[in-house]
Amino acid sequence: MSGLSITALDGIPEIGPGDDLAALIGDAFAASTEGLRGGDILVVTSKIVSKAEGRQVPAVDREAAITAESVRLVASRAHPGGMTRIVENRQGLVLAAAGVDNSNTPDGTILLLPKDPDASARRLCLALRQRFGVALGVILSDTLGRPWREGQTDAAIGAAGIRVLEDYRGTRDAHGNLLAVSAAAVADEIAGAADLVKGKAAGRPVALVRGLDHLVLPEPDSAGPTGTARGLVRAAENDMFRLGSDEAYALGFADGQAAAAALQPVTSAVPEEAASGRISK
C-alpha cells in the first residue's frame, strides 16, 4: 500500500427505528460520484445503527440503562455532577457509561449501543455486497476514551468482511529482527482515520475508505475471530489492567484480610490451670 483515500458520504437522512439502513446507504452511494468498488471499506457510525434498531430510550432512564448494559464495574469516580462509571458492557467493551450516549439524538433521549455490533455489521455487509456485486468490508465505529491518554478516538466495535488485525508475529523487520508481539489493530486505525472526515456533528455518519483491498475478506463472516470486532477484545486472563486503581486496592485489601484470617491460630478449650501454668503434679 502506498496510499489510501477516505471520503465522507453525503445523502444519509435522519435515521429512525425500523429504517432499512443498508438501502439508505446503498441509495446514497448509487447517487454519488464515488460508487462502490471491490476492496472498499465502509466505516459506519454506530449511532445510526442504534437508531435503526430502536435502541433509543428516554434520557431519564440513563443511570438505569447504564446499569442494565453493564456486566462488570471496572472503575468509578465521583464528580460534582454525579458518578463516572467505567464498565465492561454486554458487548465486551470497556468504556465509560457502557456506551450510553446522548449526542446526535433528539433532546430527552439517549442511545444504547447495538445489541450485537458484529451481527449488525454483517447484515449491512451482506446487503451491500448483494446489491452492488462487489466484495467490501464494513466497520461500525464508536468513540472511546483510552487509558493513560487524554481525548477520545473512534474505534471498531463491529466488523464484517474485513481482517481486523494485521498480524506480524513470526515475520522479520527490515533489520532482520524477529517480531514476536506486533499485531496492528487495523480496524481501530481505520475507524479513527475515518472519523477525521466524518466529524462529530456534520451529519455524515458513513465514510468510504479506499486503498486497503488486502484487508477485505472473501466472505462477510470468514476468518473467525480475526474478522470480528469482538475478536479485538483482550481475554481476561491476558488483561494486566483489568480493574481501576480504587477497585484493585479494595479487592487486594479484601484478599489480604481473608489471608490474614486464615493464618490466625485456632484456639481450643484449655483448662484455666493449664493456661496459667498452674498444673498439679
Protein backbone atom coordinates (compact mmCIF):
# COMPACT_ATOMS: atom_id res chain seq x y z
CA MET A 1 0.00 0.00 0.00
CA SER A 2 1.34 3.40 -0.98
CA GLY A 3 -1.72 5.48 -0.11
CA LEU A 4 -5.41 5.48 0.65
CA SER A 5 -8.38 7.81 0.34
CA ILE A 6 -11.17 8.48 2.83
CA THR A 7 -14.35 10.22 1.72
CA ALA A 8 -17.39 11.14 3.80
CA LEU A 9 -20.67 10.10 2.21
CA ASP A 10 -23.40 12.72 1.79
CA GLY A 11 -27.10 11.99 1.43
CA ILE A 12 -27.84 9.94 4.56
CA PRO A 13 -31.13 11.19 6.09
CA GLU A 14 -32.02 11.23 9.78
CA ILE A 15 -32.43 7.60 10.79
CA GLY A 16 -35.39 6.29 12.78
CA PRO A 17 -36.47 2.93 14.24
CA GLY A 18 -37.11 0.30 11.58
CA ASP A 19 -35.34 2.15 8.75
CA ASP A 20 -33.58 -0.03 6.18
CA LEU A 21 -30.07 1.23 6.78
CA ALA A 22 -28.48 -0.86 4.01
CA ALA A 23 -30.96 0.51 1.48
CA LEU A 24 -30.40 4.12 2.58
CA ILE A 25 -26.60 3.78 2.47
CA GLY A 26 -26.83 1.97 -0.88
CA ASP A 27 -29.05 4.71 -2.33
CA ALA A 28 -26.59 7.38 -1.19
CA PHE A 29 -23.72 5.54 -2.89
CA ALA A 30 -25.77 4.98 -6.04
CA ALA A 31 -26.38 8.74 -6.22
CA SER A 32 -22.76 9.67 -5.50
CA THR A 33 -19.85 10.05 -7.88
CA GLU A 34 -17.84 7.51 -5.90
CA GLY A 35 -19.98 4.39 -6.23
CA LEU A 36 -18.68 1.20 -4.65
CA ARG A 37 -15.78 -0.98 -5.80
CA GLY A 38 -14.34 -4.29 -4.73
CA GLY A 39 -11.96 -3.80 -1.81
CA ASP A 40 -13.79 -0.75 -0.43
CA ILE A 41 -14.33 -0.46 3.32
CA LEU A 42 -17.27 1.44 4.80
CA VAL A 43 -16.99 2.94 8.28
CA VAL A 44 -20.46 3.47 9.73
CA THR A 45 -21.09 5.40 12.94
CA SER A 46 -22.76 3.00 15.35
CA LYS A 47 -25.33 5.64 16.37
CA ILE A 48 -27.27 5.33 13.13
CA VAL A 49 -27.31 1.56 13.56
CA SER A 50 -28.66 2.01 17.10
CA LYS A 51 -31.36 4.34 15.81
CA ALA A 52 -32.42 1.92 13.06
CA GLU A 53 -32.51 -0.93 15.57
CA GLY A 54 -34.68 1.02 18.02
CA ARG A 55 -32.02 1.36 20.72
CA GLN A 56 -33.27 4.80 21.75
CA VAL A 57 -34.66 5.24 25.30
CA PRO A 58 -35.78 8.20 27.46
CA ALA A 59 -32.91 10.15 28.98
CA VAL A 60 -34.46 9.97 32.45
CA ASP A 61 -33.56 6.28 32.45
CA ARG A 62 -29.84 6.93 31.78
CA GLU A 63 -28.40 5.55 35.04
CA ALA A 64 -30.70 2.54 34.94
CA ALA A 65 -29.73 1.97 31.31
CA ILE A 66 -26.03 2.06 32.18
CA THR A 67 -26.60 -0.49 34.94
CA ALA A 68 -28.64 -2.73 32.64
CA GLU A 69 -25.99 -2.61 29.91
CA SER A 70 -23.10 -3.36 32.31
CA VAL A 71 -21.72 -6.74 33.29
CA ARG A 72 -18.74 -5.59 35.38
CA LEU A 73 -17.60 -2.39 37.07
CA VAL A 74 -14.01 -1.56 36.14
CA ALA A 75 -13.66 1.83 37.85
CA SER A 76 -15.81 4.60 39.26
CA ARG A 77 -15.14 8.15 40.36
CA ALA A 78 -17.42 10.79 41.87
CA HIS A 79 -17.53 14.29 40.36
CA PRO A 80 -19.70 17.38 41.05
CA GLY A 81 -22.30 16.22 38.53
CA GLY A 82 -22.59 12.66 39.75
CA MET A 83 -20.59 9.47 39.19
CA THR A 84 -18.50 8.36 36.21
CA ARG A 85 -18.54 4.61 35.73
CA ILE A 86 -16.10 2.73 33.54
CA VAL A 87 -17.65 -0.66 32.89
CA GLU A 88 -17.48 -3.75 30.76
CA ASN A 89 -20.72 -3.83 28.80
CA ARG A 90 -22.73 -6.65 27.25
CA GLN A 91 -20.74 -6.35 24.02
CA GLY A 92 -17.46 -6.97 25.87
CA LEU A 93 -16.27 -3.37 25.51
CA VAL A 94 -14.68 -1.50 28.41
CA LEU A 95 -15.78 2.13 28.23
CA ALA A 96 -17.47 4.95 30.08
CA ALA A 97 -21.18 4.66 30.85
CA ALA A 98 -21.48 1.33 28.96
CA GLY A 99 -21.58 3.32 25.71
CA VAL A 100 -24.88 5.00 26.64
CA ASP A 101 -24.80 8.39 24.88
CA ASN A 102 -26.98 11.45 24.39
CA SER A 103 -25.11 13.05 21.48
CA ASN A 104 -26.62 13.19 17.98
CA THR A 105 -30.00 12.08 19.30
CA PRO A 106 -33.19 14.11 19.93
CA ASP A 107 -33.45 16.02 23.19
CA GLY A 108 -34.74 13.89 26.03
CA THR A 109 -33.44 10.63 24.58
CA ILE A 110 -30.30 8.56 24.81
CA LEU A 111 -28.86 5.82 22.62
CA LEU A 112 -27.66 2.38 23.63
CA LEU A 113 -25.09 0.57 21.52
CA PRO A 114 -26.33 -2.09 19.08
CA LYS A 115 -27.03 -5.38 20.85
CA ASP A 116 -24.59 -7.27 18.61
CA PRO A 117 -22.40 -4.85 16.60
CA ASP A 118 -20.66 -7.63 14.65
CA ALA A 119 -24.02 -9.07 13.58
CA SER A 120 -25.22 -5.59 12.59
CA ALA A 121 -22.08 -5.06 10.51
CA ARG A 122 -22.54 -8.48 8.91
CA ARG A 123 -26.12 -7.67 7.84
CA LEU A 124 -25.01 -4.39 6.30
CA CYS A 125 -22.07 -6.02 4.58
CA LEU A 126 -24.15 -8.83 3.10
CA ALA A 127 -26.89 -6.50 1.85
CA LEU A 128 -24.45 -4.08 0.19
CA ARG A 129 -22.37 -6.87 -1.36
CA GLN A 130 -25.53 -8.38 -2.85
CA ARG A 131 -26.78 -5.04 -4.17
CA PHE A 132 -23.53 -3.87 -5.77
CA GLY A 133 -21.97 -7.24 -6.56
CA VAL A 134 -18.58 -6.40 -5.03
CA ALA A 135 -16.57 -7.64 -2.04
CA LEU A 136 -16.38 -4.92 0.58
CA GLY A 137 -15.88 -4.59 4.32
CA VAL A 138 -17.93 -2.81 6.97
CA ILE A 139 -16.77 -1.36 10.28
CA LEU A 140 -19.11 0.02 12.93
CA SER A 141 -17.32 2.71 14.90
CA ASP A 142 -17.87 4.40 18.24
CA THR A 143 -15.92 6.97 20.21
CA LEU A 144 -13.89 5.63 23.14
CA GLY A 145 -11.56 7.10 25.72
CA ARG A 146 -8.18 5.46 26.30
CA PRO A 147 -6.23 4.66 29.47
CA TRP A 148 -3.29 6.99 30.13
CA ARG A 149 -4.21 9.28 27.19
CA GLU A 150 -6.27 12.47 27.02
CA GLY A 151 -9.07 12.80 24.49
CA GLN A 152 -11.04 10.20 22.60
CA THR A 153 -10.77 8.43 19.28
CA ASP A 154 -13.08 6.26 17.23
CA ALA A 155 -12.56 2.51 17.35
CA ALA A 156 -14.19 -0.52 15.74
CA ILE A 157 -16.99 -2.05 17.82
CA GLY A 158 -18.39 -4.14 14.95
CA ALA A 159 -16.84 -5.53 11.78
CA ALA A 160 -17.62 -7.81 8.86
CA GLY A 161 -15.82 -8.72 5.67
CA ILE A 162 -12.52 -7.30 6.92
CA ARG A 163 -9.48 -8.61 8.74
CA VAL A 164 -9.39 -6.60 11.96
CA LEU A 165 -5.79 -7.46 12.90
CA GLU A 166 -2.69 -7.31 10.74
CA ASP A 167 -0.57 -9.94 12.47
CA TYR A 168 3.19 -9.53 12.02
CA ARG A 169 4.23 -12.13 14.59
CA GLY A 170 6.76 -14.54 13.18
CA THR A 171 7.91 -12.12 10.47
CA ARG A 172 11.11 -10.07 10.45
CA ASP A 173 11.66 -6.33 10.26
CA ALA A 174 14.00 -4.52 7.86
CA HIS A 175 16.96 -5.31 10.16
CA GLY A 176 16.16 -9.00 10.36
CA ASN A 177 14.76 -8.86 13.90
CA LEU A 178 12.03 -11.41 14.63
CA LEU A 179 8.71 -9.78 15.51
CA ALA A 180 7.18 -11.59 18.48
CA VAL A 181 4.20 -9.45 19.58
CA SER A 182 3.44 -6.97 16.79
CA ALA A 183 -0.18 -7.12 15.63
CA ALA A 184 -1.67 -3.92 14.24
CA ALA A 185 -5.30 -3.25 15.21
CA VAL A 186 -6.09 -2.08 11.67
CA ALA A 187 -9.87 -1.93 12.18
CA ASP A 188 -9.36 0.58 15.01
CA GLU A 189 -6.86 2.54 12.94
CA ILE A 190 -9.32 2.73 10.04
CA ALA A 191 -12.17 3.80 12.35
CA GLY A 192 -10.05 6.59 13.83
CA ALA A 193 -8.93 7.82 10.42
CA ALA A 194 -12.49 7.80 9.07
CA ASP A 195 -13.68 9.95 11.97
CA LEU A 196 -11.40 12.73 10.72
CA VAL A 197 -13.62 13.15 7.66
CA LYS A 198 -17.00 12.16 9.12
CA GLY A 199 -16.73 14.63 12.00
CA LYS A 200 -18.82 14.62 15.15
CA ALA A 201 -21.67 16.92 14.14
CA ALA A 202 -21.58 17.20 10.34
CA GLY A 203 -24.43 14.76 9.69
CA ARG A 204 -22.20 12.46 7.65
CA PRO A 205 -22.16 9.15 9.54
CA VAL A 206 -20.62 7.00 6.78
CA ALA A 207 -17.13 7.16 5.28
CA LEU A 208 -15.66 5.30 2.32
CA VAL A 209 -12.09 4.06 2.77
CA ARG A 210 -10.35 3.04 -0.43
CA GLY A 211 -6.89 1.52 -0.91
CA LEU A 212 -6.89 -1.27 1.70
CA ASP A 213 -8.10 -4.07 -0.55
CA HIS A 214 -5.74 -6.58 1.08
CA LEU A 215 -7.77 -6.39 4.31
CA VAL A 216 -11.13 -7.26 2.71
CA LEU A 217 -12.19 -10.89 3.16
CA PRO A 218 -13.92 -13.10 0.59
CA GLU A 219 -16.96 -13.61 2.84
CA PRO A 220 -18.50 -11.31 5.49
CA ASP A 221 -18.26 -13.97 8.19
CA SER A 222 -14.94 -15.53 7.22
CA ALA A 223 -11.69 -15.55 9.23
CA GLY A 224 -13.42 -16.31 12.54
CA PRO A 225 -12.39 -14.03 15.44
CA THR A 226 -9.91 -12.09 13.28
CA GLY A 227 -12.85 -10.95 11.15
CA THR A 228 -14.93 -9.56 14.02
CA ALA A 229 -14.50 -6.57 16.29
CA ARG A 230 -15.25 -8.82 19.27
CA GLY A 231 -12.00 -10.57 18.36
CA LEU A 232 -10.16 -7.38 19.35
CA VAL A 233 -11.32 -7.67 22.96
CA ARG A 234 -8.46 -8.97 25.09
CA ALA A 235 -9.21 -12.12 27.05
CA ALA A 236 -9.50 -11.61 30.82
CA GLU A 237 -6.58 -13.93 31.58
CA ASN A 238 -4.30 -11.79 29.40
CA ASP A 239 -5.51 -8.42 30.72
CA MET A 240 -2.95 -6.85 33.06
CA PHE A 241 -5.11 -3.77 33.68
CA ARG A 242 -8.50 -5.30 34.35
CA LEU A 243 -9.52 -3.03 37.23
CA GLY A 244 -9.31 0.64 38.13
CA SER A 245 -6.93 1.60 40.93
CA ASP A 246 -9.61 2.00 43.62
CA GLU A 247 -11.26 -1.28 42.70
CA ALA A 248 -7.93 -3.12 42.58
CA TYR A 249 -7.00 -1.70 46.00
CA ALA A 250 -10.34 -2.74 47.52
CA LEU A 251 -10.01 -6.25 46.08
CA GLY A 252 -6.43 -6.56 47.31
CA PHE A 253 -7.41 -5.31 50.78
CA ALA A 254 -10.24 -7.84 50.97
CA ASP A 255 -7.93 -10.65 49.86
CA GLY A 256 -5.36 -9.57 52.45
CA GLN A 257 -7.94 -9.65 55.22
CA ALA A 258 -9.08 -13.10 54.16
CA ALA A 259 -5.49 -14.37 54.06
CA ALA A 260 -4.75 -12.91 57.49
CA ALA A 261 -7.87 -14.50 58.95
CA ALA A 262 -6.86 -17.86 57.53
CA LEU A 263 -3.49 -17.63 59.30
CA GLN A 264 -4.96 -16.92 62.73
CA PRO A 265 -4.24 -19.84 65.17
CA VAL A 266 -7.20 -21.98 66.03
CA THR A 267 -7.87 -21.64 69.76
CA SER A 268 -9.13 -24.70 71.64
CA ALA A 269 -10.69 -25.08 75.02
CA VAL A 270 -7.77 -25.22 77.52
CA PRO A 271 -8.26 -25.68 81.28
CA GLU A 272 -7.63 -22.47 83.16
CA GLU A 273 -4.90 -24.14 85.20
CA ALA A 274 -3.03 -25.25 82.09
CA ALA A 275 -3.36 -21.83 80.53
CA SER A 276 -1.90 -20.21 83.68
CA GLY A 277 0.81 -22.82 84.11
CA ARG A 278 -0.58 -23.91 87.46
CA ILE A 279 -0.90 -27.63 86.90
CA SER A 280 -0.79 -30.01 89.88
CA LYS A 281 1.53 -32.96 89.67
